[in-house]
Protein backbone atom coordinates (compact mmCIF):
# COMPACT_ATOMS: atom_id res chain seq x y z
CA MET A 1 273.21 40.58 29.30
CA SER A 2 275.48 40.09 32.29
CA ASN A 3 279.25 39.98 31.98
CA GLN A 4 279.38 37.10 34.43
CA LYS A 5 279.99 33.77 32.74
CA TYR A 6 277.85 31.77 35.16
CA PRO A 7 275.45 34.18 36.84
CA GLN A 8 274.06 33.23 40.24
CA LYS A 9 270.36 33.38 40.96
CA ALA A 10 269.31 36.18 43.21
CA ALA A 11 267.57 34.35 46.03
CA THR A 12 266.03 36.01 49.02
CA THR A 13 264.48 34.76 52.23
CA SER A 14 261.14 35.71 53.70
CA THR A 15 262.80 38.66 55.44
CA GLY A 16 264.25 39.87 52.18
CA ALA A 17 267.85 39.19 53.15
CA ALA A 18 270.16 37.06 51.06
CA PRO A 19 270.52 33.45 52.27
CA LYS A 20 273.50 32.66 54.49
CA LYS A 21 276.42 30.96 52.74
CA GLY A 22 278.72 28.43 54.36
CA ARG A 23 278.34 26.18 57.36
CA ASP A 24 277.07 26.77 60.83
CA HIS A 25 279.81 24.56 62.33
CA TYR A 26 282.57 22.15 61.35
CA SER A 27 282.83 18.60 62.56
CA HIS A 28 285.95 17.86 64.57
CA ALA A 29 285.58 14.11 64.20
CA LYS A 30 288.56 13.66 61.88
CA ALA A 31 290.80 16.09 63.74
CA ASP A 32 289.90 14.54 67.10
CA ALA A 33 290.51 11.02 65.76
CA ARG A 34 293.93 12.08 64.44
CA LYS A 35 294.86 13.65 67.79
CA ASP A 36 293.67 10.55 69.66
CA ARG A 37 295.75 8.31 67.39
CA ARG A 38 298.85 10.47 67.84
CA ARG A 39 298.31 10.53 71.60
CA ASP A 40 297.99 6.74 71.72
CA GLU A 41 301.17 6.33 69.66
CA ALA A 42 303.05 8.72 71.96
CA GLU A 43 301.84 6.86 75.06
CA ASP A 44 303.01 3.57 73.53
CA ARG A 45 306.45 5.03 72.79
CA GLN A 46 306.70 6.48 76.30
CA PHE A 47 305.69 3.16 77.88
CA LYS A 48 308.37 1.32 75.88
CA TYR A 49 311.01 3.88 76.86
CA ASP A 50 310.01 3.81 80.53
CA SER A 51 310.27 0.03 80.62
CA LEU A 52 313.88 0.05 79.32
CA PRO A 53 316.72 -0.38 81.80
CA THR A 54 318.76 2.76 82.53
CA ALA A 55 321.85 1.42 80.74
CA GLU A 56 319.81 0.85 77.57
CA LYS A 57 318.35 4.38 77.75
CA LEU A 58 321.87 5.76 78.06
CA LYS A 59 323.04 3.67 75.09
CA GLN A 60 320.21 5.02 72.90
CA LEU A 61 321.29 8.65 73.35
CA GLY A 62 323.15 10.13 70.44
CA PRO A 63 326.84 11.00 70.66
CA THR A 64 326.15 14.75 70.68
CA GLY A 65 323.59 16.84 72.48
CA SER A 66 321.27 15.63 75.22
CA ASN A 67 323.84 16.57 77.85
CA ARG A 68 321.29 17.15 80.61
CA GLN A 69 319.57 13.84 79.82
CA ARG A 70 322.93 12.06 79.70
CA LYS A 71 323.99 13.45 83.10
CA ARG A 72 320.65 12.56 84.63
CA LEU A 73 320.81 8.98 83.32
CA GLU A 74 324.45 8.57 84.37
CA ALA A 75 323.59 9.74 87.87
CA LEU A 76 320.63 7.37 87.99
CA LEU A 77 322.77 4.49 86.74
CA ALA A 78 325.44 5.25 89.34
CA LYS A 79 322.80 5.35 92.04
CA GLU A 80 321.48 1.97 90.89
CA ARG A 81 324.99 0.51 90.98
CA GLY A 82 325.74 2.11 94.34
CA THR A 83 328.64 4.24 93.10
CA GLN A 84 329.06 7.96 92.74
CA VAL A 85 329.91 9.72 89.48
CA LYS A 86 331.68 13.10 89.47
CA HIS A 87 331.02 15.51 86.61
CA ALA A 88 333.67 17.96 85.48
């Protein structure tokens, strides 16, 4: 008697080789749907941000970090107002 608790049948094909286990391919339907959903959400967020006025974009930045973004928005805001901002 075999030591294996649940022995597997020994199946062979017409060529004598053991049958192939597993899948030939995996469906990407769920992964593609998830990526499409995330892309749509990102496009919605970007559209909302792009439609904000420059002063509102500047107000939404946090107090620390984002220095390059802050300088860019300040320069854009100054250009819109017709003044010039000097950075130290």
